[in-house]
Amino acid sequence: MNNLLNIKTPTENEAKSLKSDYGLDNHGISSLRMSFWNLPTESLYEEIAFRGEARITRLGPVVAFTGKHTARSASDKYIVKEPSTEEHIWWGQYNKPFSPEKFDGLYNRLLGYLQGRDLFVQDCFVGADAEYQMPVRIISEKAWHALFARNMFILPKTNEDYRRHVPDFTIVAVPSFKAIPQIDGTGSETFIILNFARRVCIIGNTAYAGEIKKSVFTIMNYLMPLQGVMSMHSSANIGKDGKSAIFFGLSGTGKTTLSADPKRSLIGDDEHGWSDEGVFNYEGGCYAKVIRLSESAEPEIHATTKMFGTILENVVFDPVTRMIDLDDESVTENTRASYPLDYIKNAVPEKKGGHPKNIILLTCDASGVMPPIAKLSADQAIYQFISGYTSKIAGIHRKRAVYRRTHLVGAVQQAVQSGEIRRTLQPASRISSGAGSFCPGLFCRRGCRIPDAGANHIRKGVARSFRQKHVHTPEDKRGLQKTCPGLHNSGGPILQGDPTDRRYRVGDVHNPELRPPRLHHRQYRLCGGDKEIGLYDHELSDAAPGCHVYA
């Protein structure tokens, strides 16, 4: 905020009460009007309201609108290419190199822009495992971004911890600052640039809070494999028997939905590390999609939309009654809720668990290429993990391809090539690839959620399915499950071409050797709610040997 009239804000008297000895001058930031250090949630609410950044809705959540950017700008993300990282990053379309000289020029201009303005600082940690925990600092122009950081990351416990906090990495988010592409070498006025040599990430011209979260995840994706930790875009939970489960999947495939099981304890919903000791959450909060969120299907997540401290991003509300409408997609389908993990009643306080007994690979498959559930070998699991197959859906990117490769840093590439990941996966007794078309508990095309009963059916089905009878063919003995609890055979041929029936023709994948199997003339429907959504069953006779879910 550019407070030109130098108006005193509600929390100025307490602005430096939790200030770190490692000041902003270490980042080159100086001549500010005011810096607000580690304000608690209640103080941030006062600043948010005073500055008009967001609105307070019924029962306490704040609703913030992010402007033209309602999703991540993947095409505007860069990594500074310098000697310490040059050999460890898979450079290309997704990891785009940026010149150190261009970065220095852009950063210096950003520092000049910040002079005379107000900034909010939140000192946090990333990584629940103390051995791999990293101190970070989030410096933001918006008070609600400071609240977002407070919700999403792990907080220091004492005033002394705040005073002694020295960040290993710093995120500077200034939505009102724009790049000049002709000068800075960016593709647009929007930029997200990481510099591992200077241990700083700068974000400009976007208020979408997910850029802060995913920038920190990108940092961990680079650093953790170099320390022997597998960095995972996944959710995780743990049963009463102490056995944990991992749900891999791109955004929008059902990680949050499926991991929020009332009968199991939640470790985390999105970003984790897998070390020699087990699984641990990187974060201290959740960032859940809430479009058409159902209270009956996902009561734990739905309850957070009525809690003080929750940030509802781009959620429509009535300005008179302050009632929110989770079904309204007029702003975006990518509506989000940010809340601390302890808002989920059965969350694991330590945010850690042992080695997983179950690994589930999720995908949104609107083309009907995959069966509903299939048990995979270690080789098949590795192929699915690296290929990252998913359909185009309304989601968190401004652009999304049908095939999203997992662009691994060098350490993970070496682990795949050496067989290290294969050895890790061997002890896992159940490896499933979720979801043919509109599989229960996942997001289908156009962002439509499955009826309420679906999530529970698929949780129970995955948990018990591989102890039940499987259908095998002479060509394959790897255990495609032909039925799933909550599904019944409706009979009749598969229809083609009518999107209103949500039954789509199956096409070949890009690689002809991995062509999907013929579609068997049998359809399964999910029972529950007031809709029925088709699920496809597959024959296996045409499947190519070694194909991850087709054989």
Protein backbone atom coordinates (compact mmCIF):
# COMPACT_ATOMS: atom_id res chain seq x y z
CA MET A 1 0.00 0.00 0.00
CA ASN A 2 1.29 3.45 -0.93
CA ASN A 3 0.16 5.45 2.11
CA LEU A 4 0.97 8.88 0.67
CA LEU A 5 -0.89 10.75 3.41
CA ASN A 6 0.99 8.84 6.12
CA ILE A 7 -2.25 7.82 7.81
CA LYS A 8 -1.72 5.77 10.94
CA THR A 9 -3.01 2.24 10.50
CA PRO A 10 -4.61 0.07 13.24
CA THR A 11 -1.54 -1.98 14.19
CA GLU A 12 1.36 0.43 13.80
CA ASN A 13 2.06 0.42 17.53
CA GLU A 14 2.66 -3.34 17.45
CA ALA A 15 4.26 -3.47 13.99
CA LYS A 16 7.76 -4.30 15.22
CA SER A 17 6.97 -6.25 18.40
CA LEU A 18 7.96 -9.53 16.75
CA LYS A 19 10.70 -8.15 14.52
CA SER A 20 13.64 -10.36 13.64
CA ASP A 21 17.18 -9.18 14.30
CA TYR A 22 17.84 -10.09 10.66
CA GLY A 23 16.29 -6.97 9.16
CA LEU A 24 15.00 -6.05 5.71
CA ASP A 25 18.23 -4.19 4.96
CA ASN A 26 19.79 -7.62 4.40
CA HIS A 27 17.49 -7.95 1.38
CA GLY A 28 18.33 -4.47 0.10
CA ILE A 29 14.95 -3.11 1.20
CA SER A 30 15.09 0.35 2.78
CA SER A 31 13.28 3.68 3.15
CA LEU A 32 9.87 2.10 3.75
CA ARG A 33 7.04 4.03 5.32
CA MET A 34 6.35 1.11 7.67
CA SER A 35 7.13 -2.61 7.95
CA PHE A 36 4.73 -4.87 9.85
CA TRP A 37 6.49 -7.87 11.36
CA ASN A 38 4.79 -11.21 12.05
CA LEU A 39 1.39 -9.77 12.89
CA PRO A 40 -1.04 -12.39 14.27
CA THR A 41 -4.25 -13.25 12.45
CA GLU A 42 -6.39 -10.80 14.42
CA SER A 43 -4.08 -7.87 13.67
CA LEU A 44 -3.93 -8.79 10.00
CA TYR A 45 -7.73 -8.77 9.90
CA GLU A 46 -7.67 -5.17 11.09
CA GLU A 47 -5.13 -4.17 8.46
CA ILE A 48 -7.01 -6.02 5.71
CA ALA A 49 -10.25 -4.23 6.59
CA PHE A 50 -8.56 -0.84 6.99
CA ARG A 51 -6.89 -1.11 3.58
CA GLY A 52 -9.98 -2.51 1.84
CA GLU A 53 -8.03 -5.51 0.52
CA ALA A 54 -10.76 -8.06 1.28
CA ARG A 55 -14.21 -8.39 2.82
CA ILE A 56 -15.20 -10.23 5.98
CA THR A 57 -18.03 -12.71 5.42
CA ARG A 58 -20.44 -14.55 7.70
CA LEU A 59 -18.77 -16.34 10.64
CA GLY A 60 -15.40 -14.72 9.93
CA PRO A 61 -13.63 -15.83 6.72
CA VAL A 62 -12.19 -13.10 4.52
CA VAL A 63 -12.93 -13.08 0.79
CA ALA A 64 -10.14 -11.71 -1.40
CA PHE A 65 -10.28 -11.19 -5.15
CA THR A 66 -7.08 -11.55 -7.15
CA GLY A 67 -7.95 -9.46 -10.21
CA LYS A 68 -7.18 -10.70 -13.70
CA HIS A 69 -4.98 -13.55 -12.48
CA THR A 70 -7.22 -16.19 -10.93
CA ALA A 71 -4.74 -19.01 -11.49
CA ARG A 72 -1.01 -19.55 -11.68
CA SER A 73 0.91 -18.05 -14.60
CA ALA A 74 3.18 -20.97 -15.45
CA SER A 75 4.38 -19.30 -18.64
CA ASP A 76 5.68 -16.34 -16.61
CA LYS A 77 7.83 -18.37 -14.23
CA TYR A 78 11.62 -18.33 -14.56
CA ILE A 79 14.72 -19.62 -12.79
CA VAL A 80 17.96 -17.66 -12.87
CA LYS A 81 20.56 -19.77 -14.65
CA GLU A 82 23.83 -19.53 -12.74
CA PRO A 83 26.73 -21.91 -11.94
CA SER A 84 25.36 -23.39 -8.69
CA THR A 85 22.13 -24.63 -10.31
CA GLU A 86 22.97 -24.96 -14.00
CA GLU A 87 23.72 -28.69 -13.89
CA HIS A 88 20.83 -29.67 -11.59
CA ILE A 89 17.79 -28.30 -13.39
CA TRP A 90 15.99 -29.77 -16.40
CA TRP A 91 15.88 -26.60 -18.51
CA GLY A 92 13.14 -26.27 -21.09
CA GLN A 93 9.56 -25.14 -21.58
CA TYR A 94 8.63 -25.31 -17.90
CA ASN A 95 11.96 -24.47 -16.25
CA LYS A 96 12.84 -21.42 -18.30
CA PRO A 97 16.27 -19.83 -17.75
CA PHE A 98 16.63 -16.17 -16.81
CA SER A 99 19.73 -14.03 -17.04
CA PRO A 100 21.42 -13.05 -13.72
CA GLU A 101 22.03 -9.56 -15.12
CA LYS A 102 18.37 -9.15 -16.08
CA PHE A 103 17.34 -10.35 -12.62
CA ASP A 104 19.60 -7.84 -10.89
CA GLY A 105 18.18 -5.00 -12.96
CA LEU A 106 14.57 -6.02 -12.30
CA TYR A 107 15.18 -6.58 -8.58
CA ASN A 108 16.89 -3.21 -8.16
CA ARG A 109 13.98 -1.46 -9.85
CA LEU A 110 11.58 -3.35 -7.56
CA LEU A 111 13.54 -2.16 -4.50
CA GLY A 112 13.21 1.43 -5.69
CA TYR A 113 9.48 0.96 -6.24
CA LEU A 114 9.01 -0.22 -2.64
CA GLN A 115 10.49 2.91 -1.07
CA GLY A 116 7.90 4.90 0.85
CA ARG A 117 5.45 2.00 0.95
CA ASP A 118 4.15 -0.41 3.60
CA LEU A 119 5.28 -4.05 3.64
CA PHE A 120 4.24 -7.06 5.68
CA VAL A 121 6.77 -9.65 6.81
CA GLN A 122 6.01 -13.18 7.96
CA ASP A 123 8.87 -15.38 9.18
CA CYS A 124 7.98 -19.06 8.84
CA PHE A 125 9.38 -22.53 8.32
CA VAL A 126 8.88 -25.09 5.56
CA GLY A 127 9.14 -28.79 6.37
CA ALA A 128 7.70 -30.53 9.42
CA ASP A 129 10.78 -32.76 9.82
CA ALA A 130 13.31 -30.81 11.89
CA GLU A 131 16.22 -32.40 10.00
CA TYR A 132 15.06 -30.89 6.71
CA GLN A 133 13.18 -27.81 7.94
CA MET A 134 14.03 -24.57 6.17
CA PRO A 135 13.39 -21.05 7.52
CA VAL A 136 11.73 -18.77 4.95
CA ARG A 137 10.56 -15.17 4.89
CA ILE A 138 7.49 -13.92 3.03
CA ILE A 139 7.57 -10.18 2.29
CA SER A 140 4.30 -8.95 0.83
CA GLU A 141 2.62 -5.75 -0.25
CA LYS A 142 -0.80 -7.11 0.76
CA ALA A 143 -1.86 -7.80 4.34
CA TRP A 144 -4.00 -10.71 3.16
CA HIS A 145 -0.94 -12.30 1.55
CA ALA A 146 0.73 -12.13 4.96
CA LEU A 147 -2.30 -13.93 6.40
CA PHE A 148 -2.00 -16.49 3.59
CA ALA A 149 1.64 -17.13 4.51
CA ARG A 150 0.63 -17.46 8.15
CA ASN A 151 -2.04 -20.02 7.22
CA MET A 152 0.09 -22.06 4.84
CA PHE A 153 3.49 -22.37 6.50
CA ILE A 154 4.82 -23.52 9.86
CA LEU A 155 5.13 -20.73 12.42
CA PRO A 156 7.81 -20.11 15.05
CA LYS A 157 6.67 -21.04 18.56
CA THR A 158 8.10 -18.28 20.75
CA ASN A 159 8.95 -14.59 20.58
CA GLU A 160 12.60 -15.54 20.83
CA ASP A 161 12.24 -17.78 17.78
CA TYR A 162 10.91 -14.81 15.84
CA ARG A 163 13.77 -12.59 17.00
CA ARG A 164 16.43 -15.11 15.97
CA HIS A 165 14.84 -16.07 12.67
CA VAL A 166 17.26 -15.94 9.73
CA PRO A 167 15.68 -17.01 6.44
CA ASP A 168 17.36 -19.42 4.05
CA PHE A 169 15.06 -18.19 1.29
CA THR A 170 12.93 -15.06 0.85
CA ILE A 171 9.79 -14.49 -1.23
CA VAL A 172 8.98 -10.90 -2.22
CA ALA A 173 5.41 -10.53 -3.58
CA VAL A 174 4.40 -7.14 -4.99
CA PRO A 175 1.24 -7.42 -7.14
CA SER A 176 1.20 -3.72 -8.10
CA PHE A 177 4.68 -3.84 -9.66
CA LYS A 178 4.92 -4.69 -13.36
CA ALA A 179 7.84 -5.84 -15.43
CA ILE A 180 8.75 -4.11 -18.71
CA PRO A 181 9.19 -7.03 -21.14
CA GLN A 182 11.29 -5.02 -23.62
CA ILE A 183 13.77 -4.18 -20.86
CA ASP A 184 13.53 -7.10 -18.44
CA GLY A 185 13.34 -9.97 -20.91
CA THR A 186 10.10 -11.36 -19.49
CA GLY A 187 7.25 -12.65 -21.65
CA SER A 188 4.74 -10.26 -20.12
CA GLU A 189 4.34 -7.75 -17.30
CA THR A 190 3.81 -10.66 -14.91
CA PHE A 191 6.79 -12.52 -13.47
CA ILE A 192 7.74 -15.17 -10.93
CA ILE A 193 11.53 -15.47 -10.83
CA LEU A 194 13.63 -17.66 -8.52
CA ASN A 195 17.28 -16.97 -7.90
CA PHE A 196 18.94 -19.80 -5.97
CA ALA A 197 22.29 -18.00 -5.83
CA ARG A 198 20.77 -14.99 -4.06
CA ARG A 199 18.18 -17.13 -2.23
CA VAL A 200 15.29 -14.92 -3.26
CA CYS A 201 12.11 -15.20 -5.34
CA ILE A 202 10.33 -12.11 -6.69
CA ILE A 203 6.67 -12.07 -7.79
CA GLY A 204 5.02 -9.18 -9.62
CA ASN A 205 1.77 -8.19 -11.32
CA THR A 206 -0.24 -11.07 -9.88
CA ALA A 207 -2.19 -11.20 -6.63
CA TYR A 208 -2.97 -14.91 -6.94
CA ALA A 209 -1.72 -16.29 -3.61
CA GLY A 210 -0.98 -19.71 -5.07
CA GLU A 211 2.15 -18.21 -6.66
CA ILE A 212 3.64 -17.76 -3.16
CA LYS A 213 2.84 -21.31 -2.13
CA LYS A 214 4.08 -22.91 -5.34
CA SER A 215 7.25 -20.84 -5.39
CA VAL A 216 8.14 -22.28 -1.99
CA PHE A 217 7.30 -25.77 -3.28
CA THR A 218 9.55 -25.21 -6.30
CA ILE A 219 12.38 -24.27 -3.94
CA MET A 220 11.85 -27.48 -1.95
CA ASN A 221 11.61 -29.46 -5.19
CA TYR A 222 15.12 -28.30 -5.99
CA LEU A 223 16.74 -28.54 -2.56
CA MET A 224 15.25 -31.72 -1.09
CA PRO A 225 16.35 -34.26 -3.74
CA LEU A 226 19.90 -32.98 -3.32
CA GLN A 227 19.60 -34.06 0.34
CA GLY A 228 18.19 -37.48 -0.51
CA VAL A 229 14.54 -36.57 0.07
CA MET A 230 11.89 -37.26 -2.58
CA SER A 231 9.77 -34.14 -3.06
CA MET A 232 6.15 -34.99 -3.83
CA HIS A 233 3.07 -33.18 -5.11
CA SER A 234 0.76 -35.34 -3.07
CA SER A 235 -1.56 -35.59 -0.11
CA ALA A 236 -1.01 -38.04 2.73
CA ASN A 237 -2.95 -39.52 5.62
CA ILE A 238 -2.44 -42.22 8.21
CA GLY A 239 -4.67 -44.91 9.70
CA LYS A 240 -5.17 -45.98 13.28
CA ASP A 241 -2.73 -48.82 12.63
CA GLY A 242 0.01 -46.27 11.94
CA LYS A 243 0.21 -47.09 8.22
CA SER A 244 0.28 -44.04 5.98
CA ALA A 245 -0.97 -43.60 2.41
CA ILE A 246 0.16 -41.21 -0.33
CA PHE A 247 -2.12 -39.76 -3.01
CA PHE A 248 -0.09 -38.47 -5.96
CA GLY A 249 -1.80 -36.26 -8.49
CA LEU A 250 -1.78 -32.97 -10.32
CA SER A 251 -3.95 -30.16 -9.00
CA GLY A 252 -7.63 -30.95 -9.40
CA THR A 253 -7.34 -34.75 -9.38
CA GLY A 254 -8.70 -35.28 -5.87
CA LYS A 255 -5.77 -35.22 -3.44
CA THR A 256 -7.51 -33.00 -0.89
CA THR A 257 -10.85 -34.77 -1.26
CA LEU A 258 -9.55 -38.31 -0.87
CA SER A 259 -7.06 -37.61 1.90
CA ALA A 260 -9.68 -35.87 4.06
CA ASP A 261 -11.04 -39.20 5.35
CA PRO A 262 -12.89 -38.98 8.69
CA LYS A 263 -11.58 -42.44 9.60
CA ARG A 264 -7.93 -41.54 9.00
CA SER A 265 -5.71 -38.74 10.26
CA LEU A 266 -4.55 -36.09 7.81
CA ILE A 267 -0.80 -35.48 7.39
CA GLY A 268 -1.23 -32.92 4.62
CA ASP A 269 -3.14 -32.22 1.43
CA ASP A 270 -0.62 -31.10 -1.18
CA GLU A 271 3.16 -31.01 -0.68
CA HIS A 272 5.34 -33.57 1.11
CA GLY A 273 8.81 -34.99 1.39
CA TRP A 274 9.67 -38.69 1.65
CA SER A 275 12.90 -39.28 3.56
CA ASP A 276 14.54 -42.38 5.01
CA GLU A 277 12.41 -41.86 8.13
CA GLY A 278 9.05 -41.53 6.38
CA VAL A 279 6.69 -38.90 4.99
CA PHE A 280 6.47 -35.31 6.24
CA ASN A 281 4.42 -32.29 5.25
CA TYR A 282 6.17 -29.22 3.88
CA GLU A 283 3.36 -26.93 4.94
CA GLY A 284 1.30 -25.96 7.94
CA GLY A 285 -1.95 -25.36 6.08
CA CYS A 286 -4.23 -26.35 3.20
CA TYR A 287 -5.14 -24.62 -0.05
CA ALA A 288 -8.29 -26.43 -1.15
CA LYS A 289 -10.43 -25.96 -4.23
CA VAL A 290 -13.96 -25.10 -3.08
CA ILE A 291 -16.03 -24.76 -6.23
CA ARG A 292 -19.27 -26.69 -5.60
CA LEU A 293 -17.91 -27.95 -2.29
CA SER A 294 -20.44 -30.25 -0.63
CA GLU A 295 -21.02 -30.21 3.12
CA SER A 296 -22.21 -33.82 3.09
CA ALA A 297 -19.36 -35.17 0.96
CA GLU A 298 -16.50 -33.15 2.47
CA PRO A 299 -17.69 -31.92 5.88
CA GLU A 300 -14.20 -31.26 7.27
CA ILE A 301 -13.19 -28.98 4.40
CA HIS A 302 -16.61 -27.34 4.16
CA ALA A 303 -16.48 -26.43 7.85
CA THR A 304 -13.34 -24.34 7.27
CA THR A 305 -15.29 -22.00 4.96
CA LYS A 306 -17.14 -20.81 8.08
CA MET A 307 -14.11 -20.25 10.30
CA PHE A 308 -12.32 -17.09 11.36
CA GLY A 309 -8.87 -16.99 9.78
CA THR A 310 -9.80 -18.78 6.56
CA ILE A 311 -9.08 -16.92 3.31
CA LEU A 312 -11.62 -17.54 0.54
CA GLU A 313 -10.01 -16.62 -2.75
CA ASN A 314 -12.29 -15.41 -5.55
CA VAL A 315 -15.41 -16.84 -3.85
CA VAL A 316 -18.59 -14.90 -4.62
CA PHE A 317 -20.62 -13.61 -1.66
CA ASP A 318 -23.70 -11.50 -1.02
CA PRO A 319 -22.52 -8.04 0.12
CA VAL A 320 -25.68 -7.56 2.22
CA THR A 321 -26.00 -10.89 4.04
CA ARG A 322 -22.28 -11.78 3.69
CA MET A 323 -23.31 -15.33 2.79
CA ILE A 324 -20.84 -17.06 0.45
CA ASP A 325 -21.90 -19.01 -2.65
CA LEU A 326 -19.54 -21.90 -3.31
CA ASP A 327 -21.45 -22.86 -6.46
CA ASP A 328 -20.92 -19.52 -8.20
CA GLU A 329 -18.15 -19.71 -10.79
CA SER A 330 -18.70 -16.26 -12.29
CA VAL A 331 -15.22 -15.12 -11.19
CA THR A 332 -13.40 -18.41 -11.77
CA GLU A 333 -13.82 -22.15 -11.30
CA ASN A 334 -10.53 -22.09 -9.43
CA THR A 335 -11.98 -20.78 -6.16
CA ARG A 336 -9.83 -21.61 -3.14
CA ALA A 337 -9.79 -21.73 0.65
CA SER A 338 -6.59 -21.25 2.64
CA TYR A 339 -6.69 -22.39 6.25
CA PRO A 340 -4.33 -23.81 8.89
CA LEU A 341 -4.04 -27.58 8.97
CA ASP A 342 -5.30 -27.71 12.56
CA TYR A 343 -8.70 -26.52 11.33
CA ILE A 344 -9.14 -30.16 10.26
CA LYS A 345 -10.11 -31.96 13.46
CA ASN A 346 -8.28 -35.22 12.71
CA ALA A 347 -5.06 -33.64 11.42
CA VAL A 348 -1.78 -35.07 12.71
CA PRO A 349 -0.18 -32.36 14.91
CA GLU A 350 3.36 -33.46 14.02
CA LYS A 351 2.51 -33.41 10.27
CA LYS A 352 4.57 -36.58 9.82
CA GLY A 353 4.02 -40.30 9.24
CA GLY A 354 5.94 -43.48 8.56
CA HIS A 355 6.73 -45.05 5.21
CA PRO A 356 3.55 -45.44 3.12
CA LYS A 357 1.84 -48.80 2.86
CA ASN A 358 -0.45 -47.60 0.06
CA ILE A 359 0.40 -45.39 -2.92
CA ILE A 360 -2.40 -44.08 -5.12
CA LEU A 361 -1.69 -42.29 -8.41
CA LEU A 362 -4.61 -40.06 -9.38
CA THR A 363 -5.51 -38.64 -12.76
CA CYS A 364 -8.42 -36.84 -14.34
CA ASP A 365 -9.16 -38.87 -17.47
CA ALA A 366 -12.01 -37.25 -19.39
CA SER A 367 -11.24 -39.34 -22.50
CA GLY A 368 -11.92 -42.68 -20.86
CA VAL A 369 -8.44 -44.04 -21.58
CA MET A 370 -7.94 -45.61 -18.16
CA PRO A 371 -9.91 -48.11 -16.11
CA PRO A 372 -11.47 -46.93 -12.85
CA ILE A 373 -8.85 -48.66 -10.67
CA ALA A 374 -5.82 -50.74 -11.62
CA LYS A 375 -3.07 -52.32 -9.57
CA LEU A 376 0.33 -51.35 -10.97
CA SER A 377 3.74 -52.92 -10.93
CA ALA A 378 6.73 -50.82 -9.88
CA ASP A 379 7.67 -50.19 -13.53
CA GLN A 380 4.13 -49.12 -14.35
CA ALA A 381 4.04 -46.80 -11.35
CA ILE A 382 7.29 -45.14 -12.43
CA TYR A 383 5.97 -44.65 -15.96
CA GLN A 384 2.73 -43.09 -14.71
CA PHE A 385 4.62 -40.89 -12.24
CA ILE A 386 6.94 -39.50 -14.92
CA SER A 387 4.39 -39.19 -17.75
CA GLY A 388 1.88 -37.30 -15.62
CA TYR A 389 -1.08 -38.05 -17.87
CA THR A 390 -4.18 -35.95 -17.22
CA SER A 391 -6.97 -34.28 -19.18
CA LYS A 392 -7.54 -30.61 -19.81
CA ILE A 393 -9.69 -29.32 -16.99
CA ALA A 394 -10.56 -25.98 -15.48
CA GLY A 395 -7.88 -25.57 -12.89
CA ILE A 396 -4.96 -23.73 -11.52
CA HIS A 397 -3.02 -22.94 -14.71
CA ARG A 398 -3.82 -20.41 -17.38
CA LYS A 399 -2.68 -23.05 -19.90
CA ARG A 400 -2.72 -26.81 -19.44
CA ALA A 401 -1.57 -29.63 -21.74
CA VAL A 402 -3.06 -33.09 -21.91
CA TYR A 403 0.29 -34.62 -21.06
CA ARG A 404 2.15 -32.97 -18.18
CA ARG A 405 5.60 -34.43 -17.71
CA THR A 406 7.09 -34.34 -14.26
CA HIS A 407 10.12 -32.13 -14.90
CA LEU A 408 12.51 -33.51 -12.38
CA VAL A 409 15.74 -32.00 -11.18
CA GLY A 410 18.93 -33.94 -11.79
CA ALA A 411 18.95 -35.81 -8.47
CA VAL A 412 15.52 -37.32 -9.11
CA GLN A 413 16.40 -38.13 -12.73
CA GLN A 414 19.40 -40.10 -11.46
CA ALA A 415 17.21 -41.91 -8.93
CA VAL A 416 14.83 -43.01 -11.70
CA GLN A 417 17.65 -44.12 -14.00
CA SER A 418 19.53 -45.98 -11.27
CA GLY A 419 16.47 -47.87 -10.07
CA GLU A 420 16.47 -46.19 -6.66
CA ILE A 421 12.79 -45.23 -6.95
CA ARG A 422 11.95 -48.75 -8.13
CA ARG A 423 13.52 -50.21 -5.00
CA THR A 424 11.56 -47.74 -2.89
CA LEU A 425 8.29 -48.71 -4.51
CA GLN A 426 8.79 -52.47 -4.25
CA PRO A 427 7.65 -52.80 -0.60
CA ALA A 428 4.42 -50.91 -1.32
CA SER A 429 1.71 -53.52 -1.49
CA ARG A 430 -0.91 -51.49 -3.34
CA ILE A 431 -0.23 -49.08 -6.13
CA SER A 432 -3.36 -47.83 -7.83
CA SER A 433 -4.03 -45.51 -10.70
CA GLY A 434 -7.30 -43.82 -9.90
CA ALA A 435 -9.85 -42.83 -12.27
CA GLY A 436 -11.22 -43.51 -15.60
CA SER A 437 -13.70 -40.94 -16.80
CA PHE A 438 -15.10 -38.99 -13.88
CA CYS A 439 -13.90 -41.40 -11.23
CA PRO A 440 -15.57 -40.93 -7.83
CA GLY A 441 -13.94 -38.32 -5.69
CA LEU A 442 -12.10 -36.64 -8.57
CA PHE A 443 -12.76 -33.56 -10.63
CA CYS A 444 -14.18 -34.22 -14.04
CA ARG A 445 -14.28 -32.06 -17.14
CA ARG A 446 -15.56 -28.52 -16.63
CA GLY A 447 -14.73 -28.82 -12.93
CA CYS A 448 -17.89 -30.81 -12.08
CA ARG A 449 -17.74 -32.63 -8.79
CA ILE A 450 -18.94 -36.18 -8.39
CA PRO A 451 -22.07 -36.79 -6.27
CA ASP A 452 -21.68 -36.87 -2.52
CA ALA A 453 -21.41 -40.63 -2.15
CA GLY A 454 -18.55 -40.85 -4.63
CA ALA A 455 -15.62 -39.85 -2.45
CA ASN A 456 -16.53 -42.30 0.29
CA HIS A 457 -17.06 -45.09 -2.24
CA ILE A 458 -13.66 -44.64 -3.80
CA ARG A 459 -11.91 -44.39 -0.42
CA LYS A 460 -13.49 -47.65 0.69
CA GLY A 461 -12.89 -49.21 -2.70
CA VAL A 462 -9.18 -48.43 -2.76
CA ALA A 463 -8.76 -49.56 0.82
CA ARG A 464 -10.42 -52.94 0.28
CA SER A 465 -10.39 -53.60 -3.44
CA PHE A 466 -7.15 -55.49 -3.70
CA ARG A 467 -8.19 -57.91 -0.98
CA GLN A 468 -11.23 -58.79 -3.07
CA LYS A 469 -11.67 -60.75 -6.29
CA HIS A 470 -10.04 -59.31 -9.39
CA VAL A 471 -10.68 -59.96 -13.07
CA HIS A 472 -7.70 -61.32 -14.97
CA THR A 473 -7.26 -62.14 -18.64
CA PRO A 474 -4.78 -64.60 -20.21
CA GLU A 475 -2.84 -61.62 -21.54
CA ASP A 476 -2.46 -59.89 -18.20
CA LYS A 477 -2.21 -61.02 -14.58
CA ARG A 478 -1.71 -57.69 -12.92
CA GLY A 479 -5.16 -57.24 -11.51
CA LEU A 480 -7.52 -54.78 -13.10
CA GLN A 481 -10.43 -54.32 -10.76
CA LYS A 482 -13.60 -54.63 -12.80
CA THR A 483 -15.97 -53.32 -10.16
CA CYS A 484 -15.77 -50.73 -7.45
CA PRO A 485 -17.94 -50.34 -4.35
CA GLY A 486 -20.74 -47.90 -5.09
CA LEU A 487 -20.85 -48.78 -8.79
CA HIS A 488 -23.29 -51.04 -10.56
CA ASN A 489 -23.57 -52.31 -14.13
CA SER A 490 -26.12 -50.29 -16.07
CA GLY A 491 -25.61 -52.27 -19.29
CA GLY A 492 -25.93 -50.97 -22.82
CA PRO A 493 -23.41 -49.69 -25.33
CA ILE A 494 -21.21 -46.66 -24.82
CA LEU A 495 -22.56 -43.60 -26.60
CA GLN A 496 -20.31 -41.25 -28.48
CA GLY A 497 -20.24 -37.55 -29.20
CA ASP A 498 -22.89 -36.21 -26.83
CA PRO A 499 -21.09 -34.16 -24.15
CA THR A 500 -24.30 -33.66 -22.20
CA ASP A 501 -24.19 -37.36 -21.35
CA ARG A 502 -20.54 -36.97 -20.32
CA ARG A 503 -19.59 -40.08 -22.26
CA TYR A 504 -16.76 -39.44 -24.65
CA ARG A 505 -15.10 -41.39 -27.38
CA VAL A 506 -11.76 -42.93 -26.50
CA GLY A 507 -8.86 -41.79 -28.68
CA ASP A 508 -5.30 -43.03 -29.06
CA VAL A 509 -2.63 -41.58 -26.85
CA HIS A 510 0.30 -39.90 -28.57
CA ASN A 511 2.49 -42.98 -28.52
CA PRO A 512 0.94 -45.70 -30.74
CA GLU A 513 2.73 -48.42 -28.79
CA LEU A 514 0.85 -47.33 -25.67
CA ARG A 515 -2.54 -47.24 -27.41
CA PRO A 516 -5.41 -47.60 -24.97
CA PRO A 517 -7.42 -50.82 -24.92
CA ARG A 518 -10.71 -51.28 -26.75
CA LEU A 519 -13.70 -50.06 -24.86
CA HIS A 520 -15.88 -52.93 -23.71
CA HIS A 521 -19.62 -52.39 -24.29
CA ARG A 522 -20.47 -52.14 -20.66
CA GLN A 523 -20.95 -49.04 -18.59
CA TYR A 524 -20.79 -48.47 -14.87
CA ARG A 525 -22.62 -45.67 -13.15
CA LEU A 526 -21.99 -44.11 -9.80
CA CYS A 527 -24.97 -44.25 -7.44
CA GLY A 528 -25.45 -41.30 -5.17
CA GLY A 529 -26.81 -37.78 -5.14
CA ASP A 530 -29.18 -36.68 -7.86
CA LYS A 531 -26.84 -37.42 -10.77
CA GLU A 532 -25.38 -40.49 -12.37
CA ILE A 533 -21.99 -40.16 -14.02
CA GLY A 534 -20.66 -42.84 -16.32
CA LEU A 535 -17.52 -44.82 -15.61
CA TYR A 536 -15.90 -46.94 -18.27
CA ASP A 537 -14.85 -50.57 -18.07
CA HIS A 538 -12.06 -51.77 -20.35
CA GLU A 539 -10.99 -54.93 -22.15
CA LEU A 540 -7.29 -55.68 -21.83
CA SER A 541 -6.65 -57.73 -24.96
CA ASP A 542 -5.23 -54.87 -27.04
CA ALA A 543 -3.00 -53.45 -24.35
CA ALA A 544 0.69 -53.08 -25.02
CA PRO A 545 3.04 -55.02 -22.74
CA GLY A 546 4.37 -52.93 -19.87
CA CYS A 547 1.84 -50.13 -20.25
CA HIS A 548 1.15 -48.64 -16.86
CA VAL A 549 -2.61 -49.07 -16.61
CA TYR A 550 -3.63 -50.44 -19.95
CA ALA A 551 -2.16 -53.92 -19.54
